[in-house]
PDB file of all heavy atoms in Angstrom:
ATOM      1  N   LEU A   1      26.363  24.633  20.452  1.00  0.00           N
ATOM      2  CA  LEU A   1      27.706  24.746  19.898  1.00  0.00           C
ATOM      3  C   LEU A   1      28.550  23.530  20.256  1.00  0.00           C
ATOM      4  O   LEU A   1      29.315  23.013  19.443  1.00  0.00           O
ATOM      5  CB  LEU A   1      28.378  26.024  20.420  1.00  0.00           C
ATOM      6  CG  LEU A   1      29.774  26.338  19.865  1.00  0.00           C
ATOM      7  CD1 LEU A   1      29.706  26.565  18.360  1.00  0.00           C
ATOM      8  CD2 LEU A   1      30.355  27.545  20.569  1.00  0.00           C
ATOM      9  N   PHE A   2      28.387  23.035  21.500  1.00  0.00           N
ATOM     10  CA  PHE A   2      29.171  21.882  21.943  1.00  0.00           C
ATOM     11  C   PHE A   2      28.751  20.608  21.220  1.00  0.00           C
ATOM     12  O   PHE A   2      29.586  19.848  20.719  1.00  0.00           O
ATOM     13  CB  PHE A   2      29.014  21.682  23.447  1.00  0.00           C
ATOM     14  CG  PHE A   2      29.731  20.482  23.967  1.00  0.00           C
ATOM     15  CD1 PHE A   2      31.106  20.510  24.156  1.00  0.00           C
ATOM     16  CD2 PHE A   2      29.045  19.313  24.252  1.00  0.00           C
ATOM     17  CE1 PHE A   2      31.777  19.390  24.618  1.00  0.00           C
ATOM     18  CE2 PHE A   2      29.711  18.198  24.715  1.00  0.00           C
ATOM     19  CZ  PHE A   2      31.073  18.240  24.909  1.00  0.00           C
ATOM     20  N   SER A   3      27.459  20.360  21.150  1.00  0.00           N
ATOM     21  CA  SER A   3      26.988  19.109  20.540  1.00  0.00           C
ATOM     22  C   SER A   3      27.037  19.169  19.019  1.00  0.00           C
ATOM     23  O   SER A   3      27.207  18.148  18.355  1.00  0.00           O
ATOM     24  CB  SER A   3      25.557  18.808  20.998  1.00  0.00           C
ATOM     25  OG  SER A   3      24.667  19.823  20.546  1.00  0.00           O
ATOM     26  N   ARG A   4      26.853  20.368  18.432  1.00  0.00           N
ATOM     27  CA  ARG A   4      26.881  20.537  16.977  1.00  0.00           C
ATOM     28  C   ARG A   4      25.937  19.553  16.289  1.00  0.00           C
ATOM     29  O   ARG A   4      26.272  18.978  15.263  1.00  0.00           O
ATOM     30  CB  ARG A   4      28.295  20.336  16.432  1.00  0.00           C
ATOM     31  CG  ARG A   4      29.306  21.302  16.984  1.00  0.00           C
ATOM     32  CD  ARG A   4      29.306  22.604  16.233  1.00  0.00           C
ATOM     33  NE  ARG A   4      30.389  23.470  16.703  1.00  0.00           N
ATOM     34  CZ  ARG A   4      30.718  24.609  16.132  1.00  0.00           C
ATOM     35  NH1 ARG A   4      30.074  25.019  15.066  1.00  0.00           N
ATOM     36  NH2 ARG A   4      31.680  25.344  16.615  1.00  0.00           N
ATOM     37  N   LEU A   5      24.789  19.337  16.871  1.00  0.00           N
ATOM     38  CA  LEU A   5      23.864  18.350  16.303  1.00  0.00           C
ATOM     39  C   LEU A   5      23.344  18.779  14.944  1.00  0.00           C
ATOM     40  O   LEU A   5      22.891  17.957  14.152  1.00  0.00           O
ATOM     41  CB  LEU A   5      22.683  18.141  17.254  1.00  0.00           C
ATOM     42  CG  LEU A   5      23.068  17.494  18.591  1.00  0.00           C
ATOM     43  CD1 LEU A   5      21.859  17.423  19.486  1.00  0.00           C
ATOM     44  CD2 LEU A   5      23.669  16.130  18.385  1.00  0.00           C
ATOM     45  N   ASP A   6      23.408  20.062  14.672  1.00  0.00           N
ATOM     46  CA  ASP A   6      22.950  20.541  13.373  1.00  0.00           C
ATOM     47  C   ASP A   6      24.083  20.466  12.342  1.00  0.00           C
ATOM     48  O   ASP A   6      23.948  20.973  11.240  1.00  0.00           O
ATOM     49  CB  ASP A   6      22.436  21.981  13.499  1.00  0.00           C
ATOM     50  CG  ASP A   6      23.465  22.919  14.133  1.00  0.00           C
ATOM     51  OD1 ASP A   6      24.400  22.389  14.796  1.00  0.00           O
ATOM     52  OD2 ASP A   6      23.329  24.135  13.973  1.00  0.00           O
ATOM     53  N   GLU A   7      25.220  19.855  12.714  1.00  0.00           N
ATOM     54  CA  GLU A   7      26.361  19.758  11.805  1.00  0.00           C
ATOM     55  C   GLU A   7      26.827  18.313  11.733  1.00  0.00           C
ATOM     56  O   GLU A   7      27.856  17.936  12.281  1.00  0.00           O
ATOM     57  CB  GLU A   7      27.508  20.665  12.281  1.00  0.00           C
ATOM     58  CG  GLU A   7      27.140  22.144  12.285  1.00  0.00           C
ATOM     59  CD  GLU A   7      28.287  23.015  12.744  1.00  0.00           C
ATOM     60  OE1 GLU A   7      29.400  22.490  12.883  1.00  0.00           O
ATOM     61  OE2 GLU A   7      28.057  24.209  12.965  1.00  0.00           O
ATOM     62  N   ALA A   8      26.062  17.441  11.113  1.00  0.00           N
ATOM     63  CA  ALA A   8      26.392  16.018  11.011  1.00  0.00           C
ATOM     64  C   ALA A   8      27.492  15.775   9.991  1.00  0.00           C
ATOM     65  O   ALA A   8      28.085  14.714   9.953  1.00  0.00           O
ATOM     66  CB  ALA A   8      25.150  15.213  10.644  1.00  0.00           C
ATOM     67  N   GLU A   9      27.746  16.776   9.142  1.00  0.00           N
ATOM     68  CA  GLU A   9      28.778  16.595   8.137  1.00  0.00           C
ATOM     69  C   GLU A   9      30.034  17.361   8.537  1.00  0.00           C
ATOM     70  O   GLU A   9      30.035  18.133   9.505  1.00  0.00           O
ATOM     71  CB  GLU A   9      28.273  17.079   6.771  1.00  0.00           C
ATOM     72  CG  GLU A   9      28.105  18.585   6.646  1.00  0.00           C
ATOM     73  CD  GLU A   9      26.809  19.103   7.239  1.00  0.00           C
ATOM     74  OE1 GLU A   9      26.054  18.301   7.800  1.00  0.00           O
ATOM     75  OE2 GLU A   9      26.569  20.322   7.162  1.00  0.00           O
ATOM     76  N   VAL A  10      31.091  17.110   7.788  1.00  0.00           N
ATOM     77  CA  VAL A  10      32.351  17.801   8.049  1.00  0.00           C
ATOM     78  C   VAL A  10      32.202  19.282   7.712  1.00  0.00           C
ATOM     79  O   VAL A  10      31.661  19.636   6.666  1.00  0.00           O
ATOM     80  CB  VAL A  10      33.484  17.174   7.202  1.00  0.00           C
ATOM     81  CG1 VAL A  10      34.792  17.921   7.425  1.00  0.00           C
ATOM     82  CG2 VAL A  10      33.646  15.701   7.535  1.00  0.00           C
ATOM     83  N   LYS A  11      32.684  20.133   8.618  1.00  0.00           N
ATOM     84  CA  LYS A  11      32.613  21.578   8.390  1.00  0.00           C
ATOM     85  C   LYS A  11      33.906  22.233   8.860  1.00  0.00           C
ATOM     86  O   LYS A  11      34.654  21.677   9.666  1.00  0.00           O
ATOM     87  CB  LYS A  11      31.425  22.194   9.131  1.00  0.00           C
ATOM     88  CG  LYS A  11      30.076  21.905   8.496  1.00  0.00           C
ATOM     89  CD  LYS A  11      29.012  22.793   9.104  1.00  0.00           C
ATOM     90  CE  LYS A  11      27.679  22.641   8.387  1.00  0.00           C
ATOM     91  NZ  LYS A  11      26.647  23.536   8.937  1.00  0.00           N
ATOM     92  N   ARG A  12      34.134  23.424   8.364  1.00  0.00           N
ATOM     93  CA  ARG A  12      35.262  24.222   8.849  1.00  0.00           C
ATOM     94  C   ARG A  12      34.817  24.950  10.111  1.00  0.00           C
ATOM     95  O   ARG A  12      33.790  25.614  10.117  1.00  0.00           O
ATOM     96  CB  ARG A  12      35.731  25.202   7.773  1.00  0.00           C
ATOM     97  CG  ARG A  12      36.443  24.502   6.617  1.00  0.00           C
ATOM     98  CD  ARG A  12      37.285  25.459   5.803  1.00  0.00           C
ATOM     99  NE  ARG A  12      38.135  24.739   4.866  1.00  0.00           N
ATOM    100  CZ  ARG A  12      39.318  24.246   5.155  1.00  0.00           C
ATOM    101  NH1 ARG A  12      39.805  24.420   6.382  1.00  0.00           N
ATOM    102  NH2 ARG A  12      40.031  23.587   4.264  1.00  0.00           N
ATOM    103  N   VAL A  13      35.620  24.809  11.159  1.00  0.00           N
ATOM    104  CA  VAL A  13      35.229  25.295  12.478  1.00  0.00           C
ATOM    105  C   VAL A  13      36.388  26.062  13.108  1.00  0.00           C
ATOM    106  O   VAL A  13      37.553  25.720  12.911  1.00  0.00           O
ATOM    107  CB  VAL A  13      34.818  24.109  13.389  1.00  0.00           C
ATOM    108  CG1 VAL A  13      34.564  24.577  14.815  1.00  0.00           C
ATOM    109  CG2 VAL A  13      33.589  23.416  12.836  1.00  0.00           C
ATOM    110  N   ASP A  14      36.033  27.101  13.869  1.00  0.00           N
ATOM    111  CA  ASP A  14      37.013  27.855  14.641  1.00  0.00           C
ATOM    112  C   ASP A  14      37.265  27.106  15.950  1.00  0.00           C
ATOM    113  O   ASP A  14      36.381  27.012  16.809  1.00  0.00           O
ATOM    114  CB  ASP A  14      36.469  29.257  14.927  1.00  0.00           C
ATOM    115  CG  ASP A  14      37.486  30.133  15.652  1.00  0.00           C
ATOM    116  OD1 ASP A  14      38.530  29.606  16.084  1.00  0.00           O
ATOM    117  OD2 ASP A  14      37.226  31.341  15.788  1.00  0.00           O
ATOM    118  N   LEU A  15      38.467  26.552  16.115  1.00  0.00           N
ATOM    119  CA  LEU A  15      38.766  25.774  17.321  1.00  0.00           C
ATOM    120  C   LEU A  15      38.745  26.641  18.569  1.00  0.00           C
ATOM    121  O   LEU A  15      38.380  26.166  19.651  1.00  0.00           O
ATOM    122  CB  LEU A  15      40.130  25.088  17.183  1.00  0.00           C
ATOM    123  CG  LEU A  15      40.273  24.046  16.058  1.00  0.00           C
ATOM    124  CD1 LEU A  15      41.622  23.346  16.181  1.00  0.00           C
ATOM    125  CD2 LEU A  15      39.139  23.039  16.089  1.00  0.00           C
ATOM    126  N   ASN A  16      39.147  27.899  18.452  1.00  0.00           N
ATOM    127  CA  ASN A  16      39.082  28.794  19.610  1.00  0.00           C
ATOM    128  C   ASN A  16      37.662  28.906  20.135  1.00  0.00           C
ATOM    129  O   ASN A  16      37.425  28.893  21.352  1.00  0.00           O
ATOM    130  CB  ASN A  16      39.607  30.183  19.236  1.00  0.00           C
ATOM    131  CG  ASN A  16      41.111  30.195  19.012  1.00  0.00           C
ATOM    132  OD1 ASN A  16      41.813  29.292  19.444  1.00  0.00           O
ATOM    133  ND2 ASN A  16      41.596  31.217  18.319  1.00  0.00           N
ATOM    134  N   GLU A  17      36.719  28.984  19.223  1.00  0.00           N
ATOM    135  CA  GLU A  17      35.308  29.082  19.611  1.00  0.00           C
ATOM    136  C   GLU A  17      34.848  27.806  20.306  1.00  0.00           C
ATOM    137  O   GLU A  17      34.127  27.852  21.316  1.00  0.00           O
ATOM    138  CB  GLU A  17      34.448  29.344  18.362  1.00  0.00           C
ATOM    139  CG  GLU A  17      32.966  29.485  18.637  1.00  0.00           C
ATOM    140  CD  GLU A  17      32.167  29.594  17.349  1.00  0.00           C
ATOM    141  OE1 GLU A  17      31.869  28.529  16.754  1.00  0.00           O
ATOM    142  OE2 GLU A  17      31.858  30.722  16.939  1.00  0.00           O
ATOM    143  N   GLY A  18      35.255  26.654  19.762  1.00  0.00           N
ATOM    144  CA  GLY A  18      34.877  25.389  20.380  1.00  0.00           C
ATOM    145  C   GLY A  18      35.463  25.227  21.769  1.00  0.00           C
ATOM    146  O   GLY A  18      34.790  24.751  22.689  1.00  0.00           O
ATOM    147  N   ILE A  19      36.729  25.615  21.952  1.00  0.00           N
ATOM    148  CA  ILE A  19      37.355  25.535  23.268  1.00  0.00           C
ATOM    149  C   ILE A  19      36.654  26.466  24.248  1.00  0.00           C
ATOM    150  O   ILE A  19      36.396  26.104  25.400  1.00  0.00           O
ATOM    151  CB  ILE A  19      38.858  25.865  23.162  1.00  0.00           C
ATOM    152  CG1 ILE A  19      39.579  24.809  22.317  1.00  0.00           C
ATOM    153  CG2 ILE A  19      39.489  25.966  24.547  1.00  0.00           C
ATOM    154  CD1 ILE A  19      41.011  25.159  21.972  1.00  0.00           C
ATOM    155  N   GLU A  20      36.336  27.671  23.779  1.00  0.00           N
ATOM    156  CA  GLU A  20      35.674  28.642  24.656  1.00  0.00           C
ATOM    157  C   GLU A  20      34.305  28.144  25.108  1.00  0.00           C
ATOM    158  O   GLU A  20      33.924  28.270  26.277  1.00  0.00           O
ATOM    159  CB  GLU A  20      35.544  29.978  23.932  1.00  0.00           C
ATOM    160  CG  GLU A  20      35.047  31.118  24.812  1.00  0.00           C
ATOM    161  CD  GLU A  20      35.996  31.406  25.959  1.00  0.00           C
ATOM    162  OE1 GLU A  20      37.215  31.398  25.744  1.00  0.00           O
ATOM    163  OE2 GLU A  20      35.483  31.647  27.078  1.00  0.00           O
ATOM    164  N   SER A  21      33.528  27.558  24.175  1.00  0.00           N
ATOM    165  CA  SER A  21      32.207  27.038  24.545  1.00  0.00           C
ATOM    166  C   SER A  21      32.345  25.884  25.536  1.00  0.00           C
ATOM    167  O   SER A  21      31.524  25.730  26.447  1.00  0.00           O
ATOM    168  CB  SER A  21      31.454  26.571  23.302  1.00  0.00           C
ATOM    169  OG  SER A  21      32.031  25.405  22.749  1.00  0.00           O
ATOM    170  N   THR A  22      33.380  25.064  25.388  1.00  0.00           N
ATOM    171  CA  THR A  22      33.604  23.958  26.321  1.00  0.00           C
ATOM    172  C   THR A  22      33.971  24.487  27.700  1.00  0.00           C
ATOM    173  O   THR A  22      33.499  23.964  28.724  1.00  0.00           O
ATOM    174  CB  THR A  22      34.721  23.040  25.792  1.00  0.00           C
ATOM    175  OG1 THR A  22      34.382  22.597  24.480  1.00  0.00           O
ATOM    176  CG2 THR A  22      34.890  21.824  26.691  1.00  0.00           C
ATOM    177  N   VAL A  23      34.796  25.524  27.753  1.00  0.00           N
ATOM    178  CA  VAL A  23      35.163  26.125  29.035  1.00  0.00           C
ATOM    179  C   VAL A  23      33.916  26.639  29.755  1.00  0.00           C
ATOM    180  O   VAL A  23      33.762  26.458  30.978  1.00  0.00           O
ATOM    181  CB  VAL A  23      36.178  27.272  28.824  1.00  0.00           C
ATOM    182  CG1 VAL A  23      36.342  28.084  30.105  1.00  0.00           C
ATOM    183  CG2 VAL A  23      37.518  26.712  28.373  1.00  0.00           C
ATOM    184  N   ARG A  24      33.000  27.254  29.018  1.00  0.00           N
ATOM    185  CA  ARG A  24      31.790  27.781  29.656  1.00  0.00           C
ATOM    186  C   ARG A  24      30.938  26.666  30.245  1.00  0.00           C
ATOM    187  O   ARG A  24      30.283  26.852  31.265  1.00  0.00           O
ATOM    188  CB  ARG A  24      30.990  28.601  28.640  1.00  0.00           C
ATOM    189  CG  ARG A  24      31.633  29.935  28.289  1.00  0.00           C
ATOM    190  CD  ARG A  24      30.655  30.884  27.612  1.00  0.00           C
ATOM    191  NE  ARG A  24      30.282  30.403  26.294  1.00  0.00           N
ATOM    192  CZ  ARG A  24      30.876  30.772  25.160  1.00  0.00           C
ATOM    193  NH1 ARG A  24      31.900  31.625  25.214  1.00  0.00           N
ATOM    194  NH2 ARG A  24      30.481  30.315  23.988  1.00  0.00           N
ATOM    195  N   LEU A  25      30.944  25.501  29.612  1.00  0.00           N
ATOM    196  CA  LEU A  25      30.199  24.373  30.170  1.00  0.00           C
ATOM    197  C   LEU A  25      30.878  23.788  31.407  1.00  0.00           C
ATOM    198  O   LEU A  25      30.233  23.091  32.192  1.00  0.00           O
ATOM    199  CB  LEU A  25      30.042  23.270  29.110  1.00  0.00           C
ATOM    200  CG  LEU A  25      29.069  23.568  27.970  1.00  0.00           C
ATOM    201  CD1 LEU A  25      29.087  22.431  26.968  1.00  0.00           C
ATOM    202  CD2 LEU A  25      27.658  23.768  28.505  1.00  0.00           C
ATOM    203  N   LEU A  26      32.159  24.083  31.583  1.00  0.00           N
ATOM    204  CA  LEU A  26      32.906  23.564  32.729  1.00  0.00           C
ATOM    205  C   LEU A  26      33.075  24.626  33.809  1.00  0.00           C
ATOM    206  O   LEU A  26      34.089  24.685  34.495  1.00  0.00           O
ATOM    207  CB  LEU A  26      34.278  23.058  32.274  1.00  0.00           C
ATOM    208  CG  LEU A  26      34.262  21.898  31.269  1.00  0.00           C
ATOM    209  CD1 LEU A  26      35.679  21.563  30.814  1.00  0.00           C
ATOM    210  CD2 LEU A  26      33.590  20.672  31.865  1.00  0.00           C
ATOM    211  N   SER A  27      32.077  25.462  33.950  1.00  0.00           N
ATOM    212  CA  SER A  27      32.173  26.544  34.928  1.00  0.00           C
ATOM    213  C   SER A  27      32.329  26.015  36.346  1.00  0.00           C
ATOM    214  O   SER A  27      32.895  26.684  37.215  1.00  0.00           O
ATOM    215  CB  SER A  27      30.934  27.436  34.840  1.00  0.00           C
ATOM    216  OG  SER A  27      29.752  26.674  35.081  1.00  0.00           O
ATOM    217  N   GLY A  28      31.844  24.796  36.592  1.00  0.00           N
ATOM    218  CA  GLY A  28      31.993  24.221  37.922  1.00  0.00           C
ATOM    219  C   GLY A  28      33.453  24.037  38.313  1.00  0.00           C
ATOM    220  O   GLY A  28      33.800  24.074  39.499  1.00  0.00           O
ATOM    221  N   TYR A  29      34.308  23.839  37.328  1.00  0.00           N
ATOM    222  CA  TYR A  29      35.738  23.696  37.587  1.00  0.00           C
ATOM    223  C   TYR A  29      36.462  25.035  37.548  1.00  0.00           C
ATOM    224  O   TYR A  29      37.336  25.319  38.366  1.00  0.00           O
ATOM    225  CB  TYR A  29      36.383  22.765  36.554  1.00  0.00           C
ATOM    226  CG  TYR A  29      35.996  21.316  36.676  1.00  0.00           C
ATOM    227  CD1 TYR A  29      35.063  20.761  35.803  1.00  0.00           C
ATOM    228  CD2 TYR A  29      36.562  20.504  37.652  1.00  0.00           C
ATOM    229  CE1 TYR A  29      34.715  19.423  35.897  1.00  0.00           C
ATOM    230  CE2 TYR A  29      36.223  19.167  37.761  1.00  0.00           C
ATOM    231  CZ  TYR A  29      35.291  18.626  36.876  1.00  0.00           C
ATOM    232  OH  TYR A  29      34.943  17.300  36.975  1.00  0.00           O
ATOM    233  N   TYR A  30      36.098  25.880  36.566  1.00  0.00           N
ATOM    234  CA  TYR A  30      36.916  27.050  36.272  1.00  0.00           C
ATOM    235  C   TYR A  30      36.335  28.366  36.779  1.00  0.00           C
ATOM    236  O   TYR A  30      36.877  29.421  36.496  1.00  0.00           O
ATOM    237  CB  TYR A  30      37.175  27.122  34.768  1.00  0.00           C
ATOM    238  CG  TYR A  30      38.096  26.014  34.314  1.00  0.00           C
ATOM    239  CD1 TYR A  30      37.601  24.884  33.684  1.00  0.00           C
ATOM    240  CD2 TYR A  30      39.454  26.091  34.540  1.00  0.00           C
ATOM    241  CE1 TYR A  30      38.440  23.857  33.280  1.00  0.00           C
ATOM    242  CE2 TYR A  30      40.312  25.072  34.150  1.00  0.00           C
ATOM    243  CZ  TYR A  30      39.796  23.951  33.519  1.00  0.00           C
ATOM    244  OH  TYR A  30      40.631  22.940  33.139  1.00  0.00           O
TER     245      TYR A  30
END
């Protein structure tokens, strides 16, 4: 979800979902 390597083109995305996935990757901080 973070890298979105399967989405090389422009797409409509839920920003809340992207922020949430980023937070999960930063568990060392949060």
